[in-house]
PDB file of N, CA and C in Angstrom:
ATOM      1  N   ILE A   1     -10.425  22.986  -6.896  1.00  0.00           N
ATOM      2  CA  ILE A   1     -10.343  21.764  -6.114  1.00  0.00           C
ATOM      3  C   ILE A   1     -10.703  20.600  -7.027  1.00  0.00           C
ATOM      4  N   THR A   2      -9.919  19.538  -6.921  1.00  0.00           N
ATOM      5  CA  THR A   2     -10.144  18.344  -7.725  1.00  0.00           C
ATOM      6  C   THR A   2     -10.823  17.284  -6.887  1.00  0.00           C
ATOM      7  N   HIS A   3     -11.848  16.653  -7.429  1.00  0.00           N
ATOM      8  CA  HIS A   3     -12.529  15.545  -6.763  1.00  0.00           C
ATOM      9  C   HIS A   3     -12.057  14.253  -7.403  1.00  0.00           C
ATOM     10  N   VAL A   4     -11.589  13.328  -6.590  1.00  0.00           N
ATOM     11  CA  VAL A   4     -11.101  12.047  -7.096  1.00  0.00           C
ATOM     12  C   VAL A   4     -11.860  10.935  -6.411  1.00  0.00           C
ATOM     13  N   ASP A   5     -12.447  10.053  -7.197  1.00  0.00           N
ATOM     14  CA  ASP A   5     -13.132   8.880  -6.660  1.00  0.00           C
ATOM     15  C   ASP A   5     -12.074   7.820  -6.383  1.00  0.00           C
ATOM     16  N   ILE A   6     -11.878   7.492  -5.102  1.00  0.00           N
ATOM     17  CA  ILE A   6     -10.849   6.502  -4.756  1.00  0.00           C
ATOM     18  C   ILE A   6     -11.420   5.112  -4.531  1.00  0.00           C
ATOM     19  N   GLY A   7     -12.720   4.941  -4.750  1.00  0.00           N
ATOM     20  CA  GLY A   7     -13.326   3.629  -4.610  1.00  0.00           C
ATOM     21  C   GLY A   7     -13.618   3.279  -3.165  1.00  0.00           C
ATOM     22  N   GLY A   8     -14.179   2.109  -2.957  1.00  0.00           N
ATOM     23  CA  GLY A   8     -14.524   1.654  -1.611  1.00  0.00           C
ATOM     24  C   GLY A   8     -15.713   2.415  -1.046  1.00  0.00           C
ATOM     25  N   SER A   9     -16.198   1.964   0.094  1.00  0.00           N
ATOM     26  CA  SER A   9     -17.323   2.654   0.722  1.00  0.00           C
ATOM     27  C   SER A   9     -16.812   3.877   1.477  1.00  0.00           C
ATOM     28  N   ALA A  10     -17.676   4.853   1.656  1.00  0.00           N
ATOM     29  CA  ALA A  10     -17.285   6.107   2.295  1.00  0.00           C
ATOM     30  C   ALA A  10     -16.806   5.923   3.731  1.00  0.00           C
ATOM     31  N   HIS A  11     -17.191   4.826   4.385  1.00  0.00           N
ATOM     32  CA  HIS A  11     -16.826   4.607   5.783  1.00  0.00           C
ATOM     33  C   HIS A  11     -15.679   3.619   5.962  1.00  0.00           C
ATOM     34  N   ALA A  12     -15.123   3.125   4.855  1.00  0.00           N
ATOM     35  CA  ALA A  12     -14.011   2.171   4.934  1.00  0.00           C
ATOM     36  C   ALA A  12     -12.723   2.903   5.311  1.00  0.00           C
ATOM     37  N   PRO A  13     -11.836   2.242   6.071  1.00  0.00           N
ATOM     38  CA  PRO A  13     -10.552   2.865   6.421  1.00  0.00           C
ATOM     39  C   PRO A  13      -9.724   3.174   5.174  1.00  0.00           C
ATOM     40  N   VAL A  14      -8.901   4.198   5.255  1.00  0.00           N
ATOM     41  CA  VAL A  14      -8.056   4.635   4.144  1.00  0.00           C
ATOM     42  C   VAL A  14      -6.592   4.474   4.540  1.00  0.00           C
ATOM     43  N   SER A  15      -5.769   3.981   3.602  1.00  0.00           N
ATOM     44  CA  SER A  15      -4.321   3.910   3.777  1.00  0.00           C
ATOM     45  C   SER A  15      -3.684   4.755   2.687  1.00  0.00           C
ATOM     46  N   ILE A  16      -2.615   5.474   3.035  1.00  0.00           N
ATOM     47  CA  ILE A  16      -1.960   6.359   2.073  1.00  0.00           C
ATOM     48  C   ILE A  16      -0.451   6.179   2.163  1.00  0.00           C
ATOM     49  N   THR A  17       0.207   6.209   1.003  1.00  0.00           N
ATOM     50  CA  THR A  17       1.667   6.231   0.930  1.00  0.00           C
ATOM     51  C   THR A  17       2.043   7.048  -0.292  1.00  0.00           C
ATOM     52  N   ALA A  18       3.307   7.411  -0.416  1.00  0.00           N
ATOM     53  CA  ALA A  18       3.715   8.255  -1.542  1.00  0.00           C
ATOM     54  C   ALA A  18       5.132   7.948  -1.995  1.00  0.00           C
ATOM     55  N   THR A  19       5.376   8.257  -3.261  1.00  0.00           N
ATOM     56  CA  THR A  19       6.703   8.248  -3.856  1.00  0.00           C
ATOM     57  C   THR A  19       6.936   9.670  -4.373  1.00  0.00           C
ATOM     58  N   PRO A  20       8.115   9.975  -4.895  1.00  0.00           N
ATOM     59  CA  PRO A  20       8.315  11.314  -5.438  1.00  0.00           C
ATOM     60  C   PRO A  20       7.335  11.675  -6.570  1.00  0.00           C
ATOM     61  N   GLY A  21       6.819  10.688  -7.285  1.00  0.00           N
ATOM     62  CA  GLY A  21       5.939  10.978  -8.413  1.00  0.00           C
ATOM     63  C   GLY A  21       4.462  10.758  -8.180  1.00  0.00           C
ATOM     64  N   ALA A  22       4.097  10.015  -7.138  1.00  0.00           N
ATOM     65  CA  ALA A  22       2.685   9.663  -6.971  1.00  0.00           C
ATOM     66  C   ALA A  22       2.308   9.501  -5.507  1.00  0.00           C
ATOM     67  N   VAL A  23       1.026   9.682  -5.260  1.00  0.00           N
ATOM     68  CA  VAL A  23       0.424   9.370  -3.968  1.00  0.00           C
ATOM     69  C   VAL A  23      -0.502   8.194  -4.220  1.00  0.00           C
ATOM     70  N   PHE A  24      -0.465   7.190  -3.353  1.00  0.00           N
ATOM     71  CA  PHE A  24      -1.316   6.007  -3.496  1.00  0.00           C
ATOM     72  C   PHE A  24      -2.309   5.990  -2.345  1.00  0.00           C
ATOM     73  N   VAL A  25      -3.587   5.896  -2.690  1.00  0.00           N
ATOM     74  CA  VAL A  25      -4.648   5.891  -1.690  1.00  0.00           C
ATOM     75  C   VAL A  25      -5.391   4.570  -1.813  1.00  0.00           C
ATOM     76  N   ALA A  26      -5.488   3.839  -0.692  1.00  0.00           N
ATOM     77  CA  ALA A  26      -6.177   2.552  -0.690  1.00  0.00           C
ATOM     78  C   ALA A  26      -7.416   2.645   0.185  1.00  0.00           C
ATOM     79  N   ARG A  27      -8.505   2.097  -0.322  1.00  0.00           N
ATOM     80  CA  ARG A  27      -9.739   1.980   0.458  1.00  0.00           C
ATOM     81  C   ARG A  27     -10.498   0.784  -0.087  1.00  0.00           C
ATOM     82  N   GLY A  28     -10.988  -0.050   0.818  1.00  0.00           N
ATOM     83  CA  GLY A  28     -11.675  -1.265   0.385  1.00  0.00           C
ATOM     84  C   GLY A  28     -10.687  -2.194  -0.281  1.00  0.00           C
ATOM     85  N   SER A  29     -11.004  -2.646  -1.482  1.00  0.00           N
ATOM     86  CA  SER A  29     -10.130  -3.570  -2.208  1.00  0.00           C
ATOM     87  C   SER A  29      -9.413  -2.882  -3.366  1.00  0.00           C
ATOM     88  N   GLN A  30      -9.317  -1.554  -3.320  1.00  0.00           N
ATOM     89  CA  GLN A  30      -8.720  -0.817  -4.422  1.00  0.00           C
ATOM     90  C   GLN A  30      -7.602   0.108  -3.944  1.00  0.00           C
ATOM     91  N   VAL A  31      -6.584   0.258  -4.801  1.00  0.00           N
ATOM     92  CA  VAL A  31      -5.516   1.226  -4.585  1.00  0.00           C
ATOM     93  C   VAL A  31      -5.537   2.165  -5.788  1.00  0.00           C
ATOM     94  N   THR A  32      -5.665   3.461  -5.524  1.00  0.00           N
ATOM     95  CA  THR A  32      -5.726   4.451  -6.592  1.00  0.00           C
ATOM     96  C   THR A  32      -4.470   5.307  -6.575  1.00  0.00           C
ATOM     97  N   PRO A  33      -3.717   5.309  -7.693  1.00  0.00           N
ATOM     98  CA  PRO A  33      -2.548   6.193  -7.764  1.00  0.00           C
ATOM     99  C   PRO A  33      -2.972   7.586  -8.219  1.00  0.00           C
ATOM    100  N   LEU A  34      -2.367   8.611  -7.636  1.00  0.00           N
ATOM    101  CA  LEU A  34      -2.622   9.996  -8.032  1.00  0.00           C
ATOM    102  C   LEU A  34      -1.290  10.633  -8.386  1.00  0.00           C
ATOM    103  N   SER A  35      -1.214  11.254  -9.548  1.00  0.00           N
ATOM    104  CA  SER A  35      -0.005  11.968  -9.940  1.00  0.00           C
ATOM    105  C   SER A  35       0.191  13.156  -9.013  1.00  0.00           C
ATOM    106  N   ARG A  36       1.384  13.299  -8.459  1.00  0.00           N
ATOM    107  CA  ARG A  36       1.648  14.445  -7.589  1.00  0.00           C
ATOM    108  C   ARG A  36       1.686  15.739  -8.383  1.00  0.00           C
ATOM    109  N   ALA A  37       2.035  15.669  -9.658  1.00  0.00           N
ATOM    110  CA  ALA A  37       2.128  16.869 -10.486  1.00  0.00           C
ATOM    111  C   ALA A  37       0.757  17.371 -10.930  1.00  0.00           C
ATOM    112  N   THR A  38      -0.147  16.443 -11.288  1.00  0.00           N
ATOM    113  CA  THR A  38      -1.432  16.849 -11.870  1.00  0.00           C
ATOM    114  C   THR A  38      -2.642  16.539 -10.994  1.00  0.00           C
ATOM    115  N   LEU A  39      -2.456  15.681  -9.987  1.00  0.00           N
ATOM    116  CA  LEU A  39      -3.542  15.159  -9.156  1.00  0.00           C
ATOM    117  C   LEU A  39      -4.571  14.355  -9.934  1.00  0.00           C
ATOM    118  N   HIS A  40      -4.219  13.893 -11.143  1.00  0.00           N
ATOM    119  CA  HIS A  40      -5.087  12.996 -11.899  1.00  0.00           C
ATOM    120  C   HIS A  40      -4.836  11.570 -11.440  1.00  0.00           C
ATOM    121  N   SER A  41      -5.903  10.782 -11.405  1.00  0.00           N
ATOM    122  CA  SER A  41      -5.757   9.393 -10.974  1.00  0.00           C
ATOM    123  C   SER A  41      -5.334   8.513 -12.134  1.00  0.00           C
ATOM    124  N   GLY A  42      -4.607   7.460 -11.780  1.00  0.00           N
ATOM    125  CA  GLY A  42      -4.174   6.484 -12.769  1.00  0.00           C
ATOM    126  C   GLY A  42      -5.020   5.227 -12.673  1.00  0.00           C
ATOM    127  N   ARG A  43      -4.531   4.151 -13.272  1.00  0.00           N
ATOM    128  CA  ARG A  43      -5.260   2.883 -13.268  1.00  0.00           C
ATOM    129  C   ARG A  43      -5.268   2.299 -11.858  1.00  0.00           C
ATOM    130  N   ARG A  44      -6.448   1.968 -11.379  1.00  0.00           N
ATOM    131  CA  ARG A  44      -6.585   1.380 -10.043  1.00  0.00           C
ATOM    132  C   ARG A  44      -6.057  -0.040 -10.006  1.00  0.00           C
ATOM    133  N   VAL A  45      -5.548  -0.394  -8.851  1.00  0.00           N
ATOM    134  CA  VAL A  45      -5.136  -1.774  -8.585  1.00  0.00           C
ATOM    135  C   VAL A  45      -6.247  -2.392  -7.741  1.00  0.00           C
ATOM    136  N   HIS A  46      -6.789  -3.513  -8.198  1.00  0.00           N
ATOM    137  CA  HIS A  46      -7.828  -4.226  -7.452  1.00  0.00           C
ATOM    138  C   HIS A  46      -7.202  -5.458  -6.828  1.00  0.00           C
ATOM    139  N   VAL A  47      -7.492  -5.695  -5.559  1.00  0.00           N
ATOM    140  CA  VAL A  47      -6.958  -6.862  -4.869  1.00  0.00           C
ATOM    141  C   VAL A  47      -8.103  -7.693  -4.301  1.00  0.00           C
ATOM    142  N   ARG A  48      -7.788  -8.937  -4.026  1.00  0.00           N
ATOM    143  CA  ARG A  48      -8.750  -9.820  -3.374  1.00  0.00           C
ATOM    144  C   ARG A  48      -8.710  -9.543  -1.881  1.00  0.00           C
ATOM    145  N   GLY A  49      -9.801  -9.144  -1.307  1.00  0.00           N
ATOM    146  CA  GLY A  49      -9.835  -8.819   0.110  1.00  0.00           C
ATOM    147  C   GLY A  49      -9.745  -7.315   0.325  1.00  0.00           C
ATOM    148  N   VAL A  50      -9.722  -6.918   1.579  1.00  0.00           N
ATOM    149  CA  VAL A  50      -9.673  -5.509   1.950  1.00  0.00           C
ATOM    150  C   VAL A  50      -8.226  -5.114   2.233  1.00  0.00           C
ATOM    151  N   VAL A  51      -7.805  -3.987   1.680  1.00  0.00           N
ATOM    152  CA  VAL A  51      -6.447  -3.498   1.913  1.00  0.00           C
ATOM    153  C   VAL A  51      -6.327  -3.057   3.368  1.00  0.00           C
ATOM    154  N   THR A  52      -5.330  -3.595   4.066  1.00  0.00           N
ATOM    155  CA  THR A  52      -5.095  -3.220   5.458  1.00  0.00           C
ATOM    156  C   THR A  52      -3.925  -2.261   5.595  1.00  0.00           C
ATOM    157  N   GLY A  53      -3.115  -2.128   4.541  1.00  0.00           N
ATOM    158  CA  GLY A  53      -1.999  -1.200   4.574  1.00  0.00           C
ATOM    159  C   GLY A  53      -1.276  -1.177   3.251  1.00  0.00           C
ATOM    160  N   ILE A  54      -0.628  -0.041   2.954  1.00  0.00           N
ATOM    161  CA  ILE A  54       0.195   0.072   1.751  1.00  0.00           C
ATOM    162  C   ILE A  54       1.477   0.802   2.117  1.00  0.00           C
ATOM    163  N   GLN A  55       2.540   0.496   1.386  1.00  0.00           N
ATOM    164  CA  GLN A  55       3.818   1.172   1.595  1.00  0.00           C
ATOM    165  C   GLN A  55       4.561   1.182   0.274  1.00  0.00           C
ATOM    166  N   ALA A  56       5.123   2.314  -0.080  1.00  0.00           N
ATOM    167  CA  ALA A  56       5.916   2.431  -1.304  1.00  0.00           C
ATOM    168  C   ALA A  56       7.373   2.622  -0.928  1.00  0.00           C
ATOM    169  N   GLU A  57       8.255   2.136  -1.784  1.00  0.00           N
ATOM    170  CA  GLU A  57       9.671   2.427  -1.594  1.00  0.00           C
ATOM    171  C   GLU A  57       9.891   3.887  -1.982  1.00  0.00           C
ATOM    172  N   ALA A  58      10.877   4.519  -1.416  1.00  0.00           N
ATOM    173  CA  ALA A  58      11.095   5.954  -1.595  1.00  0.00           C
ATOM    174  C   ALA A  58      11.557   6.337  -3.000  1.00  0.00           C
ATOM    175  N   LEU A  59      12.184   5.436  -3.711  1.00  0.00           N
ATOM    176  CA  LEU A  59      12.722   5.767  -5.021  1.00  0.00           C
ATOM    177  C   LEU A  59      11.660   5.637  -6.111  1.00  0.00           C
ATOM    178  N   PRO A  60      11.656   6.545  -7.091  1.00  0.00           N
ATOM    179  CA  PRO A  60      10.680   6.433  -8.171  1.00  0.00           C
ATOM    180  C   PRO A  60      10.905   5.171  -8.988  1.00  0.00           C
ATOM    181  N   GLY A  61       9.822   4.575  -9.457  1.00  0.00           N
ATOM    182  CA  GLY A  61       9.919   3.377 -10.279  1.00  0.00           C
ATOM    183  C   GLY A  61      10.106   2.103  -9.492  1.00  0.00           C
ATOM    184  N   THR A  62      10.019   2.171  -8.161  1.00  0.00           N
ATOM    185  CA  THR A  62      10.181   0.973  -7.352  1.00  0.00           C
ATOM    186  C   THR A  62       8.828   0.439  -6.941  1.00  0.00           C
ATOM    187  N   GLU A  63       8.830  -0.655  -6.235  1.00  0.00           N
ATOM    188  CA  GLU A  63       7.616  -1.386  -5.958  1.00  0.00           C
ATOM    189  C   GLU A  63       6.714  -0.723  -4.916  1.00  0.00           C
ATOM    190  N   LEU A  64       5.466  -1.127  -4.996  1.00  0.00           N
ATOM    191  CA  LEU A  64       4.439  -0.744  -4.043  1.00  0.00           C
ATOM    192  C   LEU A  64       4.026  -2.034  -3.340  1.00  0.00           C
ATOM    193  N   TYR A  65       3.926  -1.991  -2.016  1.00  0.00           N
ATOM    194  CA  TYR A  65       3.537  -3.170  -1.246  1.00  0.00           C
ATOM    195  C   TYR A  65       2.125  -2.951  -0.718  1.00  0.00           C
ATOM    196  N   VAL A  66       1.253  -3.898  -1.008  1.00  0.00           N
ATOM    197  CA  VAL A  66      -0.156  -3.808  -0.626  1.00  0.00           C
ATOM    198  C   VAL A  66      -0.481  -5.008   0.256  1.00  0.00           C
ATOM    199  N   ALA A  67      -0.924  -4.736   1.484  1.00  0.00           N
ATOM    200  CA  ALA A  67      -1.237  -5.813   2.425  1.00  0.00           C
ATOM    201  C   ALA A  67      -2.740  -5.986   2.552  1.00  0.00           C
ATOM    202  N   THR A  68      -3.157  -7.228   2.611  1.00  0.00           N
ATOM    203  CA  THR A  68      -4.525  -7.587   2.988  1.00  0.00           C
ATOM    204  C   THR A  68      -4.398  -8.433   4.245  1.00  0.00           C
ATOM    205  N   ARG A  69      -5.472  -8.963   4.720  1.00  0.00           N
ATOM    206  CA  ARG A  69      -5.427  -9.718   5.975  1.00  0.00           C
ATOM    207  C   ARG A  69      -4.438 -10.876   5.951  1.00  0.00           C
ATOM    208  N   ASN A  70      -4.296 -11.539   4.789  1.00  0.00           N
ATOM    209  CA  ASN A  70      -3.462 -12.739   4.775  1.00  0.00           C
ATOM    210  C   ASN A  70      -2.417 -12.778   3.662  1.00  0.00           C
ATOM    211  N   GLN A  71      -2.097 -11.617   3.076  1.00  0.00           N
ATOM    212  CA  GLN A  71      -1.050 -11.615   2.061  1.00  0.00           C
ATOM    213  C   GLN A  71      -0.485 -10.216   1.858  1.00  0.00           C
ATOM    214  N   VAL A  72       0.736 -10.169   1.330  1.00  0.00           N
ATOM    215  CA  VAL A  72       1.347  -8.916   0.912  1.00  0.00           C
ATOM    216  C   VAL A  72       1.651  -9.065  -0.572  1.00  0.00           C
ATOM    217  N   LEU A  73       1.182  -8.109  -1.354  1.00  0.00           N
ATOM    218  CA  LEU A  73       1.422  -8.115  -2.791  1.00  0.00           C
ATOM    219  C   LEU A  73       2.509  -7.099  -3.106  1.00  0.00           C
ATOM    220  N   GLU A  74       3.443  -7.485  -3.945  1.00  0.00           N
ATOM    221  CA  GLU A  74       4.432  -6.548  -4.472  1.00  0.00           C
ATOM    222  C   GLU A  74       3.928  -6.154  -5.850  1.00  0.00           C
ATOM    223  N   VAL A  75       3.628  -4.870  -6.031  1.00  0.00           N
ATOM    224  CA  VAL A  75       2.967  -4.390  -7.235  1.00  0.00           C
ATOM    225  C   VAL A  75       3.871  -3.405  -7.968  1.00  0.00           C
ATOM    226  N   ASP A  76       3.881  -3.493  -9.287  1.00  0.00           N
ATOM    227  CA  ASP A  76       4.578  -2.502 -10.104  1.00  0.00           C
ATOM    228  C   ASP A  76       3.663  -1.287 -10.207  1.00  0.00           C
ATOM    229  N   PRO A  77       4.033  -0.141  -9.608  1.00  0.00           N
ATOM    230  CA  PRO A  77       3.132   1.001  -9.602  1.00  0.00           C
ATOM    231  C   PRO A  77       2.895   1.605 -10.989  1.00  0.00           C
ATOM    232  N   ALA A  78       3.773   1.329 -11.944  1.00  0.00           N
ATOM    233  CA  ALA A  78       3.607   1.879 -13.290  1.00  0.00           C
ATOM    234  C   ALA A  78       2.425   1.266 -14.029  1.00  0.00           C
ATOM    235  N   ASN A  79       2.174  -0.034 -13.796  1.00  0.00           N
ATOM    236  CA  ASN A  79       1.106  -0.692 -14.550  1.00  0.00           C
ATOM    237  C   ASN A  79       0.121  -1.464 -13.670  1.00  0.00           C
ATOM    238  N   GLY A  80       0.341  -1.500 -12.368  1.00  0.00           N
ATOM    239  CA  GLY A  80      -0.583  -2.186 -11.470  1.00  0.00           C
ATOM    240  C   GLY A  80      -0.455  -3.695 -11.454  1.00  0.00           C
ATOM    241  N   ARG A  81       0.540  -4.232 -12.141  1.00  0.00           N
ATOM    242  CA  ARG A  81       0.715  -5.688 -12.227  1.00  0.00           C
ATOM    243  C   ARG A  81       1.344  -6.227 -10.944  1.00  0.00           C
ATOM    244  N   THR A  82       0.794  -7.329 -10.445  1.00  0.00           N
ATOM    245  CA  THR A  82       1.349  -7.979  -9.265  1.00  0.00           C
ATOM    246  C   THR A  82       2.615  -8.730  -9.662  1.00  0.00           C
ATOM    247  N   LEU A  83       3.721  -8.395  -8.988  1.00  0.00           N
ATOM    248  CA  LEU A  83       4.995  -9.037  -9.279  1.00  0.00           C
ATOM    249  C   LEU A  83       5.211 -10.284  -8.436  1.00  0.00           C
ATOM    250  N   ARG A  84       4.838 -10.193  -7.166  1.00  0.00           N
ATOM    251  CA  ARG A  84       4.992 -11.317  -6.235  1.00  0.00           C
ATOM    252  C   ARG A  84       3.894 -11.254  -5.187  1.00  0.00           C
ATOM    253  N   THR A  85       3.625 -12.400  -4.596  1.00  0.00           N
ATOM    254  CA  THR A  85       2.656 -12.484  -3.500  1.00  0.00           C
ATOM    255  C   THR A  85       3.280 -13.268  -2.358  1.00  0.00           C
ATOM    256  N   LEU A  86       3.198 -12.698  -1.164  1.00  0.00           N
ATOM    257  CA  LEU A  86       3.668 -13.365   0.043  1.00  0.00           C
ATOM    258  C   LEU A  86       2.445 -13.662   0.892  1.00  0.00           C
ATOM    259  N   ARG A  87       2.161 -14.932   1.078  1.00  0.00           N
ATOM    260  CA  ARG A  87       1.010 -15.316   1.887  1.00  0.00           C
ATOM    261  C   ARG A  87       1.433 -15.474   3.341  1.00  0.00           C
ATOM    262  N   THR A  88       0.525 -15.136   4.246  1.00  0.00           N
ATOM    263  CA  THR A  88       0.782 -15.306   5.666  1.00  0.00           C
ATOM    264  C   THR A  88      -0.292 -16.211   6.244  1.00  0.00           C
ATOM    265  N   PRO A  89      -0.020 -16.839   7.378  1.00  0.00           N
ATOM    266  CA  PRO A  89      -1.041 -17.701   7.984  1.00  0.00           C
ATOM    267  C   PRO A  89      -2.300 -16.894   8.325  1.00  0.00           C
ATOM    268  N   GLU A  90      -3.442 -17.479   8.085  1.00  0.00           N
ATOM    269  CA  GLU A  90      -4.730 -16.832   8.367  1.00  0.00           C
ATOM    270  C   GLU A  90      -4.822 -16.338   9.803  1.00  0.00           C
ATOM    271  N   THR A  91      -4.192 -17.037  10.720  1.00  0.00           N
ATOM    272  CA  THR A  91      -4.332 -16.684  12.135  1.00  0.00           C
ATOM    273  C   THR A  91      -3.538 -15.439  12.524  1.00  0.00           C
ATOM    274  N   LEU A  92      -2.538 -15.048  11.723  1.00  0.00           N
ATOM    275  CA  LEU A  92      -1.734 -13.882  12.060  1.00  0.00           C
ATOM    276  C   LEU A  92      -2.442 -12.578  11.734  1.00  0.00           C
ATOM    277  N   GLY A  93      -2.864 -12.423  10.514  1.00  0.00           N
ATOM    278  CA  GLY A  93      -3.474 -11.178  10.073  1.00  0.00           C
ATOM    279  C   GLY A  93      -2.438 -10.069   9.977  1.00  0.00           C
ATOM    280  N   ILE A  94      -2.561  -9.210   8.985  1.00  0.00           N
ATOM    281  CA  ILE A  94      -1.640  -8.097   8.797  1.00  0.00           C
ATOM    282  C   ILE A  94      -2.414  -6.820   9.074  1.00  0.00           C
ATOM    283  N   ARG A  95      -1.915  -6.021  10.011  1.00  0.00           N
ATOM    284  CA  ARG A  95      -2.599  -4.771  10.350  1.00  0.00           C
ATOM    285  C   ARG A  95      -1.880  -3.540   9.841  1.00  0.00           C
ATOM    286  N   HIS A  96      -0.591  -3.666   9.511  1.00  0.00           N
ATOM    287  CA  HIS A  96       0.177  -2.503   9.093  1.00  0.00           C
ATOM    288  C   HIS A  96       1.361  -2.946   8.252  1.00  0.00           C
ATOM    289  N   VAL A  97       1.720  -2.132   7.263  1.00  0.00           N
ATOM    290  CA  VAL A  97       2.916  -2.361   6.462  1.00  0.00           C
ATOM    291  C   VAL A  97       3.751  -1.101   6.579  1.00  0.00           C
ATOM    292  N   GLY A  98       5.035  -1.245   6.917  1.00  0.00           N
ATOM    293  CA  GLY A  98       5.886  -0.064   7.068  1.00  0.00           C
ATOM    294  C   GLY A  98       7.320  -0.393   6.745  1.00  0.00           C
ATOM    295  N   TYR A  99       8.173   0.600   6.903  1.00  0.00           N
ATOM    296  CA  TYR A  99       9.595   0.410   6.646  1.00  0.00           C
ATOM    297  C   TYR A  99      10.222  -0.478   7.711  1.00  0.00           C
ATOM    298  N   ALA A 100      11.247  -1.217   7.323  1.00  0.00           N
ATOM    299  CA  ALA A 100      11.995  -2.034   8.275  1.00  0.00           C
ATOM    300  C   ALA A 100      12.905  -1.121   9.088  1.00  0.00           C
ATOM    301  N   LEU A 101      13.137  -1.476  10.333  1.00  0.00           N
ATOM    302  CA  LEU A 101      14.044  -0.718  11.174  1.00  0.00           C
ATOM    303  C   LEU A 101      15.481  -0.989  10.744  1.00  0.00           C
ATOM    304  N   PRO A 102      16.360  -0.005  10.852  1.00  0.00           N
ATOM    305  CA  PRO A 102      17.761  -0.237  10.488  1.00  0.00           C
ATOM    306  C   PRO A 102      18.412  -1.204  11.469  1.00  0.00           C
ATOM    307  N   ASP A 103      19.446  -1.883  11.009  1.00  0.00           N
ATOM    308  CA  ASP A 103      20.173  -2.807  11.880  1.00  0.00           C
ATOM    309  C   ASP A 103      21.043  -2.001  12.832  1.00  0.00           C
ATOM    310  N   THR A 104      20.706  -2.044  14.106  1.00  0.00           N
ATOM    311  CA  THR A 104      21.455  -1.294  15.112  1.00  0.00           C
ATOM    312  C   THR A 104      22.276  -2.207  16.002  1.00  0.00           C
ATOM    313  N   GLY A 105      22.169  -3.511  15.781  1.00  0.00           N
ATOM    314  CA  GLY A 105      22.865  -4.449  16.644  1.00  0.00           C
ATOM    315  C   GLY A 105      22.046  -4.850  17.858  1.00  0.00           C
ATOM    316  N   ILE A 106      20.936  -4.159  18.079  1.00  0.00           N
ATOM    317  CA  ILE A 106      20.055  -4.508  19.203  1.00  0.00           C
ATOM    318  C   ILE A 106      19.252  -5.729  18.792  1.00  0.00           C
ATOM    319  N   THR A 107      19.197  -6.719  19.626  1.00  0.00           N
ATOM    320  CA  THR A 107      18.500  -7.950  19.255  1.00  0.00           C
ATOM    321  C   THR A 107      17.043  -7.941  19.678  1.00  0.00           C
ATOM    322  N   ASN A 108      16.644  -7.016  20.515  1.00  0.00           N
ATOM    323  CA  ASN A 108      15.271  -6.964  20.996  1.00  0.00           C
ATOM    324  C   ASN A 108      14.759  -5.528  20.931  1.00  0.00           C
ATOM    325  N   TYR A 109      13.634  -5.300  20.232  1.00  0.00           N
ATOM    326  CA  TYR A 109      13.053  -3.964  20.148  1.00  0.00           C
ATOM    327  C   TYR A 109      11.777  -3.914  20.970  1.00  0.00           C
ATOM    328  N   GLN A 110      11.567  -2.815  21.690  1.00  0.00           N
ATOM    329  CA  GLN A 110      10.277  -2.559  22.303  1.00  0.00           C
ATOM    330  C   GLN A 110       9.423  -1.919  21.228  1.00  0.00           C
ATOM    331  N   CYS A 111       8.274  -2.436  20.966  1.00  0.00           N
ATOM    332  CA  CYS A 111       7.420  -1.915  19.923  1.00  0.00           C
ATOM    333  C   CYS A 111       6.221  -1.206  20.523  1.00  0.00           C
ATOM    334  N   ALA A 112       5.936  -0.020  20.022  1.00  0.00           N
ATOM    335  CA  ALA A 112       4.762   0.742  20.453  1.00  0.00           C
ATOM    336  C   ALA A 112       3.688   0.662  19.391  1.00  0.00           C
ATOM    337  N   CYS A 113       3.614  -0.460  18.702  1.00  0.00           N
ATOM    338  CA  CYS A 113       2.673  -0.627  17.587  1.00  0.00           C
ATOM    339  C   CYS A 113       1.236  -0.743  18.094  1.00  0.00           C
TER     340      CYS A 113
END
């Protein structure tokens, strides 16, 4: 069994996402990549604020999206560098990051979020 320190306090919420090559675990203000082949951790991504959600694109080598209360960061998972930042109004807050729904022609969705 491998023990991996993922950072953050033991009682902080955890967010997880994966690509074919890595699993990303976020807790507190850190995102830790883990190789799916070796389970060794890579360089952590540190963000300002507490991570509220993470989502990776399904294809290897694509971006990782990290949400905090008032911004979404587009991060290069290979090196942890922030590529872009999308700020949101403080009053909205971001609670979850996920895939977009496909275009079905329906103009109104009932959400069970």
